[in-house]
Amino acid sequence: MHPVLIDTFVNGYHIHLSSYRAMAILGSLLAITFALFLSRRYGFPLRKMAVIVAVIAVGMFAGSRLLNVVLNPSVYQPGMYDPWQLSLHGFSMYGGLLAAMAGGYAACVLLGLNPWRVGDMLAPVLGLFLACIRTGCFLAGCCFGKITKVPWGVVFPKGSSAFWAQTKFEAGRFVFPDRVLPVHPTQIYEGAAALLGGIVAFWLLEKRRLPSGTVFLGFFLWFTAVRWTVYYFRVMPGTFSAPPWFYPAFYAGIIAVTAALIRWRCKKPAD
């Protein structure tokens, strides 16, 4: 865990850069560069793709924040965290993914591009971006897992979110743990799955001629299945207000719809 990369003063100016912000910026820059590179490689018009990427970015931010507001309403009470501020805090990933997909699809249709082909091309980009974001989560110490005895369990330092999650409140006082117990590195699980899915998606784009849409849908199904599995190893934040069945049902629904779309797209000829 290394939540802050830079915290110093230069010529009287305070420079503070958190690990999560750094990885979010890095992931965004890498994703935009990779998307434009693949656009040129596969013959998509760069100006139109720049517009689509911008729409996707806005959808990712807005959708992630909106779902977080719905699932963590106590954080957004009057006088507390403002949901409209442009801060890299308070996100629920799948709200952003679904909003970005909807916005990207609409933008492709309006600009006269095949949304399924564009989606296939952007699957490796999405894998790279999600891997960077999850690395940022790991460095920040958020989205951590449950206590574990597996050899690769991670021990976060005292004062971390994992430390406070292992702190108990008994007899009217806090009982702090003598040491922070190892937890599942759920951020790494998801980041590795995203990167692996992105690599496979790129290989399929290069080596296989598949019906349009199947590469992206396959990536999305794979990552959602991993995300569903990881849910059972993760500690949800104390502000999370949805019932425990919400995310399993949510992921199951996404997988069912995605599988149906893959079957439908597989009936189409490769293009």
Protein backbone atom coordinates (compact mmCIF):
# COMPACT_ATOMS: atom_id res chain seq x y z
CA MET A 1 0.00 0.00 0.00
CA HIS A 2 1.36 3.39 -1.00
CA PRO A 3 -1.57 5.83 -1.11
CA VAL A 4 0.45 9.00 -1.76
CA LEU A 5 3.14 9.26 -4.43
CA ILE A 6 4.00 12.95 -4.08
CA ASP A 7 3.35 15.30 -1.17
CA THR A 8 5.68 18.28 -1.17
CA PHE A 9 5.98 22.03 -1.63
CA VAL A 10 7.65 23.60 -4.64
CA ASN A 11 8.09 27.38 -4.65
CA GLY A 12 5.31 27.68 -2.11
CA TYR A 13 2.87 25.48 -4.03
CA HIS A 14 1.58 22.32 -2.40
CA ILE A 15 1.90 19.36 -4.76
CA HIS A 16 -0.09 16.30 -3.72
CA LEU A 17 -0.58 13.29 -5.95
CA SER A 18 -2.34 10.17 -4.69
CA SER A 19 -1.58 6.75 -6.12
CA TYR A 20 -5.15 6.24 -7.25
CA ARG A 21 -5.23 9.58 -9.07
CA ALA A 22 -1.88 8.84 -10.68
CA MET A 23 -3.00 5.43 -11.91
CA ALA A 24 -6.35 6.83 -13.10
CA ILE A 25 -4.53 9.51 -15.11
CA LEU A 26 -1.98 7.01 -16.42
CA GLY A 27 -4.71 4.53 -17.32
CA SER A 28 -6.70 7.21 -19.14
CA LEU A 29 -3.69 8.41 -21.13
CA LEU A 30 -2.67 4.86 -22.05
CA ALA A 31 -6.25 3.97 -22.99
CA ILE A 32 -6.67 7.04 -25.22
CA THR A 33 -3.30 6.46 -26.91
CA PHE A 34 -4.00 2.75 -27.42
CA ALA A 35 -7.51 3.45 -28.72
CA LEU A 36 -6.23 5.93 -31.32
CA PHE A 37 -3.44 3.52 -32.31
CA LEU A 38 -5.92 0.68 -32.84
CA SER A 39 -8.28 3.03 -34.68
CA ARG A 40 -5.58 3.78 -37.21
CA ARG A 41 -4.54 0.12 -37.36
CA TYR A 42 -8.06 -1.10 -38.13
CA GLY A 43 -9.08 1.76 -40.38
CA PHE A 44 -11.44 3.78 -38.18
CA PRO A 45 -11.57 7.56 -38.76
CA LEU A 46 -9.57 9.22 -35.99
CA ARG A 47 -11.82 12.26 -35.55
CA LYS A 48 -14.93 10.16 -35.11
CA MET A 49 -13.10 7.81 -32.76
CA ALA A 50 -11.90 10.78 -30.68
CA VAL A 51 -15.54 11.83 -30.23
CA ILE A 52 -16.58 8.29 -29.29
CA VAL A 53 -13.76 7.97 -26.76
CA ALA A 54 -14.78 11.31 -25.21
CA VAL A 55 -18.40 10.15 -24.92
CA ILE A 56 -17.26 6.89 -23.34
CA ALA A 57 -15.07 8.77 -20.84
CA VAL A 58 -17.95 11.02 -19.77
CA GLY A 59 -20.28 8.03 -19.49
CA MET A 60 -17.74 6.14 -17.40
CA PHE A 61 -17.40 9.00 -14.92
CA ALA A 62 -21.10 9.89 -14.70
CA GLY A 63 -22.38 6.31 -14.56
CA SER A 64 -19.87 5.26 -11.89
CA ARG A 65 -20.78 8.20 -9.69
CA LEU A 66 -24.54 7.73 -10.18
CA LEU A 67 -24.49 4.07 -9.17
CA ASN A 68 -22.31 4.92 -6.18
CA VAL A 69 -24.86 7.50 -5.04
CA VAL A 70 -27.62 4.89 -5.30
CA LEU A 71 -25.68 2.21 -3.42
CA ASN A 72 -24.07 4.46 -0.79
CA PRO A 73 -26.70 7.15 -0.04
CA SER A 74 -25.39 7.91 3.46
CA VAL A 75 -22.19 9.35 1.97
CA TYR A 76 -24.13 11.91 -0.03
CA GLN A 77 -26.31 13.43 2.69
CA PRO A 78 -26.58 17.25 2.67
CA GLY A 79 -23.39 18.81 4.00
CA MET A 80 -21.32 15.71 3.24
CA TYR A 81 -19.78 14.54 -0.05
CA ASP A 82 -21.04 16.42 -3.11
CA PRO A 83 -21.88 13.91 -5.87
CA TRP A 84 -21.38 16.54 -8.56
CA GLN A 85 -17.82 17.52 -7.71
CA LEU A 86 -15.15 16.43 -10.18
CA SER A 87 -13.21 14.27 -7.78
CA LEU A 88 -11.73 10.81 -8.30
CA HIS A 89 -13.64 9.38 -5.35
CA GLY A 90 -16.97 7.67 -4.98
CA PHE A 91 -17.23 5.35 -7.97
CA SER A 92 -19.03 2.07 -8.61
CA MET A 93 -17.37 0.52 -11.63
CA TYR A 94 -20.28 -1.21 -13.34
CA GLY A 95 -22.44 1.89 -13.40
CA GLY A 96 -19.67 3.49 -15.44
CA LEU A 97 -19.17 0.50 -17.72
CA LEU A 98 -22.86 0.25 -18.59
CA ALA A 99 -23.21 4.00 -19.13
CA ALA A 100 -20.05 4.08 -21.25
CA MET A 101 -21.32 1.19 -23.37
CA ALA A 102 -24.69 2.86 -23.91
CA GLY A 103 -23.11 6.20 -24.75
CA GLY A 104 -20.50 4.63 -27.00
CA TYR A 105 -23.13 2.62 -28.87
CA ALA A 106 -25.27 5.72 -29.45
CA ALA A 107 -22.25 7.75 -30.58
CA CYS A 108 -21.23 5.06 -33.07
CA VAL A 109 -24.72 4.94 -34.57
CA LEU A 110 -24.91 8.74 -34.86
CA LEU A 111 -21.46 8.89 -36.48
CA GLY A 112 -22.19 6.08 -38.91
CA LEU A 113 -19.79 3.49 -37.47
CA ASN A 114 -20.50 -0.15 -36.71
CA PRO A 115 -20.78 -0.18 -32.87
CA TRP A 116 -19.98 -3.89 -32.68
CA ARG A 117 -16.71 -3.51 -34.58
CA VAL A 118 -15.79 -0.46 -32.55
CA GLY A 119 -16.55 -2.39 -29.35
CA ASP A 120 -14.29 -5.24 -30.42
CA MET A 121 -11.48 -2.80 -31.12
CA LEU A 122 -11.92 -1.15 -27.70
CA ALA A 123 -11.96 -4.40 -25.69
CA PRO A 124 -8.15 -4.50 -25.25
CA VAL A 125 -8.23 -0.80 -24.38
CA LEU A 126 -10.79 -1.43 -21.66
CA GLY A 127 -8.69 -4.27 -20.26
CA LEU A 128 -5.65 -2.00 -20.00
CA PHE A 129 -7.65 0.80 -18.39
CA LEU A 130 -9.28 -1.44 -15.78
CA ALA A 131 -5.91 -3.01 -14.91
CA CYS A 132 -4.49 0.46 -14.19
CA ILE A 133 -7.52 1.47 -12.12
CA ARG A 134 -7.38 -1.67 -10.02
CA THR A 135 -3.65 -1.15 -9.46
CA GLY A 136 -4.53 2.30 -8.14
CA CYS A 137 -7.08 0.73 -5.79
CA PHE A 138 -4.44 -1.66 -4.49
CA LEU A 139 -1.95 1.14 -3.85
CA ALA A 140 -4.65 3.21 -2.13
CA GLY A 141 -5.75 0.26 0.02
CA CYS A 142 -9.42 0.42 -0.98
CA CYS A 143 -11.62 -2.39 -2.35
CA PHE A 144 -9.68 -4.90 -0.24
CA GLY A 145 -10.62 -8.50 0.48
CA LYS A 146 -11.60 -10.62 3.43
CA ILE A 147 -9.14 -12.12 5.91
CA THR A 148 -7.36 -15.11 4.43
CA LYS A 149 -4.62 -17.66 5.07
CA VAL A 150 -3.59 -18.08 1.43
CA PRO A 151 0.16 -17.55 0.84
CA TRP A 152 -0.46 -14.51 -1.34
CA GLY A 153 -2.56 -12.70 1.26
CA VAL A 154 -1.62 -9.03 1.62
CA VAL A 155 -1.02 -7.27 4.94
CA PHE A 156 -2.01 -3.61 4.79
CA PRO A 157 -0.51 -1.22 7.37
CA LYS A 158 -2.16 0.10 10.49
CA GLY A 159 -4.45 3.01 9.71
CA SER A 160 -5.48 1.49 6.39
CA SER A 161 -9.06 0.65 5.43
CA ALA A 162 -8.32 -3.03 6.09
CA PHE A 163 -7.09 -2.13 9.59
CA TRP A 164 -10.32 -0.26 10.39
CA ALA A 165 -12.40 -3.10 8.98
CA GLN A 166 -10.69 -5.45 11.43
CA THR A 167 -11.28 -3.07 14.35
CA LYS A 168 -14.17 -4.09 16.61
CA PHE A 169 -16.50 -1.99 18.75
CA GLU A 170 -17.19 -3.78 22.02
CA ALA A 171 -18.54 -2.59 25.35
CA GLY A 172 -18.70 1.00 24.15
CA ARG A 173 -15.12 1.22 22.97
CA PHE A 174 -13.00 0.38 19.98
CA VAL A 175 -10.80 -2.72 20.18
CA PHE A 176 -7.90 -2.33 17.80
CA PRO A 177 -6.17 -5.41 16.37
CA ASP A 178 -2.64 -6.11 17.55
CA ARG A 179 -1.68 -6.61 13.93
CA VAL A 180 -3.44 -6.32 10.61
CA LEU A 181 -4.31 -9.79 9.32
CA PRO A 182 -3.64 -10.78 5.68
CA VAL A 183 -6.52 -10.20 3.26
CA HIS A 184 -7.28 -11.28 -0.27
CA PRO A 185 -5.75 -8.85 -2.81
CA THR A 186 -9.07 -8.56 -4.64
CA GLN A 187 -7.85 -5.50 -6.53
CA ILE A 188 -5.05 -7.57 -8.05
CA TYR A 189 -7.44 -10.40 -8.91
CA GLU A 190 -9.60 -8.05 -10.94
CA GLY A 191 -6.70 -6.12 -12.44
CA ALA A 192 -4.99 -9.31 -13.60
CA ALA A 193 -8.27 -10.61 -15.05
CA ALA A 194 -8.80 -7.35 -16.95
CA LEU A 195 -5.27 -7.38 -18.35
CA LEU A 196 -5.48 -11.05 -19.34
CA GLY A 197 -8.87 -10.47 -20.97
CA GLY A 198 -7.46 -7.50 -22.86
CA ILE A 199 -4.50 -9.50 -24.13
CA VAL A 200 -6.75 -12.32 -25.33
CA ALA A 201 -9.08 -9.79 -26.97
CA PHE A 202 -6.16 -8.23 -28.85
CA TRP A 203 -4.95 -11.68 -29.95
CA LEU A 204 -8.41 -12.53 -31.23
CA LEU A 205 -8.55 -9.26 -33.16
CA GLU A 206 -5.20 -10.01 -34.77
CA LYS A 207 -5.49 -13.76 -35.38
CA ARG A 208 -9.17 -14.63 -35.69
CA ARG A 209 -11.95 -13.36 -37.92
CA LEU A 210 -14.99 -13.55 -35.68
CA PRO A 211 -18.48 -12.09 -35.99
CA SER A 212 -18.39 -8.45 -34.93
CA GLY A 213 -19.19 -7.86 -31.29
CA THR A 214 -18.12 -11.27 -30.02
CA VAL A 215 -14.65 -10.14 -28.93
CA PHE A 216 -16.00 -7.31 -26.78
CA LEU A 217 -18.89 -9.37 -25.44
CA GLY A 218 -16.53 -12.23 -24.61
CA PHE A 219 -14.26 -9.86 -22.70
CA PHE A 220 -17.22 -8.36 -20.85
CA LEU A 221 -18.61 -11.79 -19.94
CA TRP A 222 -15.17 -12.95 -18.72
CA PHE A 223 -14.56 -9.88 -16.56
CA THR A 224 -18.08 -9.94 -15.12
CA ALA A 225 -17.70 -13.60 -14.17
CA VAL A 226 -14.43 -12.80 -12.40
CA ARG A 227 -16.00 -9.79 -10.72
CA TRP A 228 -18.90 -11.96 -9.51
CA THR A 229 -16.46 -14.51 -8.07
CA VAL A 230 -14.30 -11.87 -6.41
CA TYR A 231 -17.38 -10.36 -4.75
CA TYR A 232 -17.42 -13.27 -2.28
CA PHE A 233 -13.83 -12.53 -1.24
CA ARG A 234 -14.24 -8.76 -0.88
CA VAL A 235 -15.18 -6.61 2.09
CA MET A 236 -17.89 -4.16 1.06
CA PRO A 237 -17.68 -0.62 2.48
CA GLY A 238 -19.67 0.18 5.60
CA THR A 239 -21.71 2.72 3.64
CA PHE A 240 -22.96 0.08 1.19
CA SER A 241 -26.74 -0.05 1.65
CA ALA A 242 -27.88 -2.58 -0.95
CA PRO A 243 -28.91 -6.10 0.18
CA PRO A 244 -26.19 -8.79 -0.09
CA TRP A 245 -27.94 -10.44 -3.03
CA PHE A 246 -27.83 -7.27 -5.14
CA TYR A 247 -24.45 -7.69 -6.82
CA PRO A 248 -24.73 -11.47 -7.41
CA ALA A 249 -28.13 -10.93 -9.05
CA PHE A 250 -26.78 -7.92 -10.95
CA TYR A 251 -23.80 -9.86 -12.32
CA ALA A 252 -25.93 -12.92 -13.11
CA GLY A 253 -28.29 -10.74 -15.14
CA ILE A 254 -25.40 -9.14 -17.05
CA ILE A 255 -23.88 -12.54 -17.81
CA ALA A 256 -27.21 -13.90 -19.04
CA VAL A 257 -27.78 -10.93 -21.35
CA THR A 258 -24.18 -10.98 -22.58
CA ALA A 259 -24.31 -14.71 -23.31
CA ALA A 260 -27.54 -14.23 -25.26
CA LEU A 261 -25.94 -11.43 -27.27
CA ILE A 262 -22.90 -13.59 -28.03
CA ARG A 263 -25.16 -16.35 -29.30
CA TRP A 264 -27.04 -13.84 -31.46
CA ARG A 265 -23.84 -12.31 -32.84
CA CYS A 266 -22.39 -15.75 -33.60
CA LYS A 267 -25.26 -16.31 -36.02
CA LYS A 268 -24.02 -13.31 -37.99
CA PRO A 269 -21.28 -13.70 -40.61
CA ALA A 270 -17.84 -12.39 -39.75
CA ASP A 271 -17.31 -8.83 -40.96
